[in-house]
Amino acid sequence: MPDPEDPRPEPPAAPKPGDCCGSGCVHCVYDLYEEAMERYREALAAWEARHGQQRSP
């Protein structure tokens, strides 16, 4: 049974088509998304370790 005090992390929402302006911004929405995905993967791995689950490939 899931622990309401320690919910499974949710992945960030992916950028939608048209969110990137294509001008090479320093902080492109795709770069920010990749950074958020890395934080999500780390949080998910930690959550799975706490809950004794194998990490998905």
N, C-alpha and C. Protein backbone atom coordinates (compact mmCIF):
# COMPACT_ATOMS: atom_id res chain seq x y z
N MET A 1 0.85 -1.19 0.00
CA MET A 1 0.00 0.00 0.00
C MET A 1 0.89 1.25 0.00
N PRO A 2 0.60 2.20 -0.87
CA PRO A 2 1.40 3.42 -0.94
C PRO A 2 1.34 4.20 0.36
N ASP A 3 2.46 4.82 0.69
CA ASP A 3 2.56 5.64 1.88
C ASP A 3 2.16 7.07 1.52
N PRO A 4 1.06 7.59 2.07
CA PRO A 4 0.64 8.95 1.73
C PRO A 4 1.63 10.02 2.19
N GLU A 5 2.49 9.66 3.15
CA GLU A 5 3.50 10.60 3.62
C GLU A 5 4.73 10.62 2.72
N ASP A 6 4.86 9.62 1.85
CA ASP A 6 6.02 9.52 0.96
C ASP A 6 5.56 9.04 -0.41
N PRO A 7 4.85 9.91 -1.14
CA PRO A 7 4.33 9.48 -2.45
C PRO A 7 5.44 9.29 -3.47
N ARG A 8 5.16 8.43 -4.44
CA ARG A 8 6.11 8.20 -5.54
C ARG A 8 6.27 9.51 -6.32
N PRO A 9 7.52 9.88 -6.64
CA PRO A 9 7.74 11.11 -7.42
C PRO A 9 7.05 11.03 -8.79
N GLU A 10 6.60 12.14 -9.26
CA GLU A 10 5.96 12.24 -10.56
C GLU A 10 6.92 12.90 -11.54
N PRO A 11 6.98 12.41 -12.77
CA PRO A 11 7.88 13.04 -13.75
C PRO A 11 7.38 14.44 -14.11
N PRO A 12 8.31 15.31 -14.51
CA PRO A 12 7.89 16.64 -14.93
C PRO A 12 7.15 16.58 -16.27
N ALA A 13 6.35 17.57 -16.49
CA ALA A 13 5.63 17.66 -17.77
C ALA A 13 6.63 18.01 -18.88
N ALA A 14 6.53 17.31 -19.98
CA ALA A 14 7.40 17.58 -21.13
C ALA A 14 6.96 18.88 -21.80
N PRO A 15 7.92 19.60 -22.39
CA PRO A 15 7.54 20.80 -23.14
C PRO A 15 6.59 20.43 -24.28
N LYS A 16 5.71 21.32 -24.55
CA LYS A 16 4.76 21.12 -25.64
C LYS A 16 5.36 21.64 -26.94
N PRO A 17 4.89 21.12 -28.07
CA PRO A 17 5.35 21.66 -29.35
C PRO A 17 5.10 23.17 -29.37
N GLY A 18 6.09 23.89 -29.77
CA GLY A 18 5.96 25.34 -29.83
C GLY A 18 6.44 26.05 -28.58
N ASP A 19 6.76 25.30 -27.49
CA ASP A 19 7.27 25.95 -26.27
C ASP A 19 8.67 26.51 -26.50
N CYS A 20 9.43 25.86 -27.38
CA CYS A 20 10.78 26.34 -27.69
C CYS A 20 10.69 27.33 -28.84
N CYS A 21 11.34 28.46 -28.66
CA CYS A 21 11.28 29.48 -29.72
C CYS A 21 12.31 29.24 -30.81
N GLY A 22 13.29 28.34 -30.55
CA GLY A 22 14.28 28.00 -31.55
C GLY A 22 15.39 29.02 -31.72
N SER A 23 15.49 29.97 -30.80
CA SER A 23 16.52 31.00 -30.94
C SER A 23 17.79 30.71 -30.15
N GLY A 24 17.90 29.53 -29.56
CA GLY A 24 19.12 29.17 -28.84
C GLY A 24 19.25 29.82 -27.49
N CYS A 25 18.14 29.99 -26.79
CA CYS A 25 18.17 30.61 -25.47
C CYS A 25 19.13 29.87 -24.54
N VAL A 26 19.73 30.60 -23.62
CA VAL A 26 20.64 30.01 -22.65
C VAL A 26 19.91 28.98 -21.79
N HIS A 27 18.71 29.26 -21.42
CA HIS A 27 17.89 28.35 -20.61
C HIS A 27 16.69 27.90 -21.42
N CYS A 28 16.95 27.09 -22.45
CA CYS A 28 15.89 26.58 -23.31
C CYS A 28 14.94 25.69 -22.50
N VAL A 29 13.69 25.67 -22.86
CA VAL A 29 12.72 24.83 -22.15
C VAL A 29 13.14 23.36 -22.20
N TYR A 30 13.82 22.94 -23.24
CA TYR A 30 14.28 21.55 -23.33
C TYR A 30 15.43 21.29 -22.35
N ASP A 31 16.31 22.27 -22.18
CA ASP A 31 17.38 22.15 -21.18
C ASP A 31 16.78 22.07 -19.78
N LEU A 32 15.83 22.94 -19.50
CA LEU A 32 15.19 22.95 -18.18
C LEU A 32 14.45 21.63 -17.94
N TYR A 33 13.83 21.11 -18.98
CA TYR A 33 13.14 19.82 -18.86
C TYR A 33 14.13 18.70 -18.55
N GLU A 34 15.26 18.67 -19.25
CA GLU A 34 16.27 17.64 -19.00
C GLU A 34 16.80 17.74 -17.57
N GLU A 35 17.00 18.95 -17.07
CA GLU A 35 17.44 19.12 -15.69
C GLU A 35 16.38 18.61 -14.72
N ALA A 36 15.13 18.90 -15.00
CA ALA A 36 14.03 18.43 -14.15
C ALA A 36 13.92 16.90 -14.22
N MET A 37 14.16 16.31 -15.39
CA MET A 37 14.13 14.86 -15.53
C MET A 37 15.24 14.21 -14.72
N GLU A 38 16.42 14.82 -14.71
CA GLU A 38 17.52 14.27 -13.92
C GLU A 38 17.17 14.30 -12.43
N ARG A 39 16.60 15.40 -11.96
CA ARG A 39 16.17 15.48 -10.56
C ARG A 39 15.09 14.44 -10.28
N TYR A 40 14.18 14.24 -11.22
CA TYR A 40 13.13 13.22 -11.07
C TYR A 40 13.74 11.83 -10.98
N ARG A 41 14.68 11.51 -11.86
CA ARG A 41 15.32 10.18 -11.84
C ARG A 41 16.01 9.94 -10.50
N GLU A 42 16.69 10.96 -9.99
CA GLU A 42 17.36 10.82 -8.70
C GLU A 42 16.34 10.62 -7.58
N ALA A 43 15.28 11.41 -7.59
CA ALA A 43 14.24 11.29 -6.57
C ALA A 43 13.55 9.93 -6.65
N LEU A 44 13.32 9.46 -7.87
CA LEU A 44 12.67 8.16 -8.05
C LEU A 44 13.56 7.03 -7.55
N ALA A 45 14.85 7.10 -7.86
CA ALA A 45 15.78 6.07 -7.38
C ALA A 45 15.82 6.05 -5.86
N ALA A 46 15.84 7.23 -5.23
CA ALA A 46 15.84 7.30 -3.77
C ALA A 46 14.53 6.75 -3.21
N TRP A 47 13.42 7.08 -3.84
CA TRP A 47 12.11 6.59 -3.39
C TRP A 47 12.06 5.07 -3.50
N GLU A 48 12.52 4.54 -4.65
CA GLU A 48 12.51 3.09 -4.84
C GLU A 48 13.41 2.40 -3.82
N ALA A 49 14.54 3.00 -3.49
CA ALA A 49 15.43 2.42 -2.48
C ALA A 49 14.74 2.39 -1.12
N ARG A 50 14.03 3.46 -0.79
CA ARG A 50 13.31 3.52 0.50
C ARG A 50 12.21 2.47 0.56
N HIS A 51 11.62 2.18 -0.58
CA HIS A 51 10.48 1.27 -0.63
C HIS A 51 10.88 -0.14 -1.08
N GLY A 52 12.17 -0.39 -1.20
CA GLY A 52 12.66 -1.72 -1.52
C GLY A 52 12.28 -2.21 -2.90
N GLN A 53 12.21 -1.31 -3.86
CA GLN A 53 11.84 -1.69 -5.22
C GLN A 53 13.04 -1.60 -6.14
N GLN A 54 13.04 -2.42 -7.17
CA GLN A 54 14.09 -2.37 -8.18
C GLN A 54 13.87 -1.16 -9.07
N ARG A 55 14.97 -0.55 -9.48
CA ARG A 55 14.89 0.57 -10.40
C ARG A 55 14.56 0.07 -11.79
N SER A 56 13.63 0.74 -12.45
CA SER A 56 13.25 0.37 -13.81
C SER A 56 14.33 0.83 -14.78
N PRO A 57 14.57 0.08 -15.86
CA PRO A 57 15.60 0.48 -16.84
C PRO A 57 15.22 1.74 -17.58
